[in-house]
């Protein structure tokens, strides 16, 4: 993406819109395995459960449906795990690293799920989503008689 960065850290691109600068992942794919042994073991010994937990935390729903989907539709896991990773990257403005999300989940899904779990916790502890836009609270309509 080419463009110039303004004072707020937004990237002005050729189409005139401003987009936030993409950030690096705070946790590497394989280098941080011992730092969070619980997540690492969870990802390698119960990969569907970690996918379910990540999905549940991201979408604020229960984890059972996503866990069962990952377990029973094992030939499709790369597709929906890729979709979740893309959603995480978009929410926190993360670069698509170290490679394409789909390829990453084909060859290293447990590692990718561990990284995604740690990233979500990191960014939520830093004050929430990394997006440039903040939703405003809804206003109640005025009562008329």
Protein backbone atom coordinates (compact mmCIF):
# COMPACT_ATOMS: atom_id res chain seq x y z
CA UNK A 1 0.00 0.00 0.00
CA UNK A 2 1.53 3.28 -1.08
CA UNK A 3 0.69 6.66 0.38
CA UNK A 4 1.72 9.17 2.98
CA UNK A 5 1.19 8.96 6.71
CA UNK A 6 -0.49 11.83 8.56
CA UNK A 7 0.01 12.95 12.18
CA UNK A 8 -2.61 10.49 13.49
CA UNK A 9 -0.82 7.49 12.01
CA UNK A 10 -3.35 7.08 9.22
CA UNK A 11 -2.18 6.29 5.74
CA UNK A 12 -3.63 8.51 3.00
CA UNK A 13 -3.82 6.36 -0.13
CA UNK A 14 -4.48 7.12 -3.78
CA UNK A 15 -8.26 6.75 -3.51
CA UNK A 16 -8.36 9.60 -0.96
CA UNK A 17 -9.40 7.54 2.05
CA UNK A 18 -7.31 7.23 5.19
CA UNK A 19 -6.43 3.82 6.52
CA UNK A 20 -4.58 3.00 9.72
CA UNK A 21 -0.96 1.92 9.40
CA UNK A 22 -0.72 -1.87 9.65
CA UNK A 23 1.07 -3.09 12.77
CA UNK A 24 3.35 -6.03 13.38
CA UNK A 25 2.11 -8.99 15.40
CA UNK A 26 3.33 -8.76 19.00
CA UNK A 27 3.78 -12.54 19.25
CA UNK A 28 5.71 -14.54 16.69
CA UNK A 29 4.26 -17.66 15.15
CA UNK A 30 6.70 -20.15 16.71
CA UNK A 31 9.14 -18.19 18.86
CA UNK A 32 6.92 -17.64 21.89
CA UNK A 33 5.80 -21.20 22.58
CA UNK A 34 7.18 -21.50 26.12
CA UNK A 35 6.04 -18.04 27.20
CA UNK A 36 2.43 -19.21 27.49
CA UNK A 37 2.66 -22.94 28.02
CA UNK A 38 -1.06 -23.34 28.73
CA UNK A 39 -2.17 -21.86 25.41
CA UNK A 40 0.58 -23.78 23.60
CA UNK A 41 -0.52 -27.14 25.05
CA UNK A 42 -4.18 -26.29 24.48
CA UNK A 43 -3.46 -25.50 20.83
CA UNK A 44 -1.45 -28.64 20.14
CA UNK A 45 -3.46 -31.19 22.11
CA UNK A 46 -6.95 -29.75 21.63
CA UNK A 47 -6.79 -27.59 18.51
CA UNK A 48 -10.59 -27.53 17.97
CA UNK A 49 -11.08 -26.27 21.53
CA UNK A 50 -8.61 -23.41 21.04
CA UNK A 51 -10.32 -22.47 17.77
CA UNK A 52 -13.65 -22.49 19.62
CA UNK A 53 -12.25 -20.33 22.42
CA UNK A 54 -10.73 -17.84 19.96
CA UNK A 55 -13.99 -17.66 18.00
CA UNK A 56 -16.01 -17.22 21.18
CA UNK A 57 -13.75 -14.45 22.51
CA UNK A 58 -13.71 -12.60 19.20
CA UNK A 59 -17.46 -12.82 18.53
CA UNK A 60 -18.60 -12.77 22.17
CA UNK A 61 -20.56 -16.02 21.82
CA UNK A 62 -20.30 -19.53 23.23
CA UNK A 63 -17.44 -21.78 22.13
CA UNK A 64 -19.19 -25.15 21.64
CA UNK A 65 -20.53 -24.52 18.14
CA UNK A 66 -17.19 -23.39 16.74
CA UNK A 67 -15.35 -26.22 18.50
CA UNK A 68 -17.75 -28.83 17.08
CA UNK A 69 -17.55 -27.29 13.60
CA UNK A 70 -13.75 -27.48 13.69
CA UNK A 71 -13.91 -31.10 14.91
CA UNK A 72 -16.55 -32.46 12.56
CA UNK A 73 -15.72 -30.50 9.41
CA UNK A 74 -11.98 -31.09 9.58
CA UNK A 75 -11.56 -30.88 5.79
CA UNK A 76 -12.86 -27.28 5.89
CA UNK A 77 -10.96 -25.99 8.92
CA UNK A 78 -8.53 -23.95 6.82
CA UNK A 79 -11.41 -21.93 5.40
CA UNK A 80 -13.10 -20.87 8.61
CA UNK A 81 -9.85 -20.57 10.58
CA UNK A 82 -8.59 -18.26 7.82
CA UNK A 83 -11.74 -16.17 8.09
CA UNK A 84 -11.27 -15.75 11.85
CA UNK A 85 -7.60 -14.81 11.42
CA UNK A 86 -8.54 -12.23 8.76
CA UNK A 87 -11.15 -10.77 11.12
CA UNK A 88 -8.58 -10.55 13.93
CA UNK A 89 -6.08 -8.85 11.60
CA UNK A 90 -8.70 -6.35 10.45
CA UNK A 91 -9.83 -5.51 13.98
CA UNK A 92 -6.32 -4.87 15.27
CA UNK A 93 -4.83 -3.58 11.96
CA UNK A 94 -2.20 -6.33 11.79
CA UNK A 95 -0.01 -7.19 8.83
CA UNK A 96 -0.66 -10.50 7.04
CA UNK A 97 2.44 -12.16 8.45
CA UNK A 98 4.37 -14.40 8.04
CA UNK A 99 2.45 -15.41 4.88
CA UNK A 100 -1.03 -15.73 3.44
CA UNK A 101 -3.60 -16.63 6.14
CA UNK A 102 -4.92 -19.65 4.25
CA UNK A 103 -1.45 -21.12 3.63
CA UNK A 104 -0.59 -20.52 7.28
CA UNK A 105 -3.62 -22.49 8.47
CA UNK A 106 -2.97 -25.33 6.01
CA UNK A 107 0.56 -25.95 7.27
CA UNK A 108 0.61 -24.61 10.83
CA UNK A 109 -2.91 -24.19 12.18
CA UNK A 110 -2.13 -25.00 15.85
CA UNK A 111 0.68 -22.41 15.89
CA UNK A 112 -1.52 -19.85 14.14
CA UNK A 113 -4.35 -20.39 16.63
CA UNK A 114 -1.94 -19.98 19.56
CA UNK A 115 -0.61 -16.75 18.05
CA UNK A 116 -4.14 -15.43 17.45
CA UNK A 117 -5.16 -16.21 21.03
CA UNK A 118 -2.15 -14.37 22.46
CA UNK A 119 -2.65 -11.40 20.11
CA UNK A 120 -6.31 -10.97 21.06
CA UNK A 121 -5.40 -10.95 24.76
CA UNK A 122 -2.53 -8.51 24.14
CA UNK A 123 -4.57 -5.99 22.14
CA UNK A 124 -7.59 -6.17 24.46
CA UNK A 125 -5.29 -5.48 27.42
CA UNK A 126 -3.89 -2.49 25.49
CA UNK A 127 -7.31 -0.87 25.35
CA UNK A 128 -9.37 -2.76 22.84
CA UNK A 129 -9.43 -2.85 19.08
CA UNK A 130 -6.73 -1.28 17.02
CA UNK A 131 -9.09 0.35 14.54
CA UNK A 132 -9.13 4.03 13.69
CA UNK A 133 -12.87 4.35 14.19
CA UNK A 134 -14.77 4.32 17.46
CA UNK A 135 -18.48 3.62 17.59
CA UNK A 136 -20.51 6.34 19.25
CA UNK A 137 -23.16 5.39 21.80
CA UNK A 138 -26.72 5.39 20.53
CA UNK A 139 -28.91 8.27 21.66
CA UNK A 140 -32.41 7.68 22.88
CA UNK A 141 -35.08 9.40 20.77
CA UNK A 142 -36.75 12.36 22.44
CA UNK A 143 -40.18 11.68 23.92
CA UNK A 144 -42.96 13.66 22.26
CA UNK A 145 -46.57 13.96 23.25
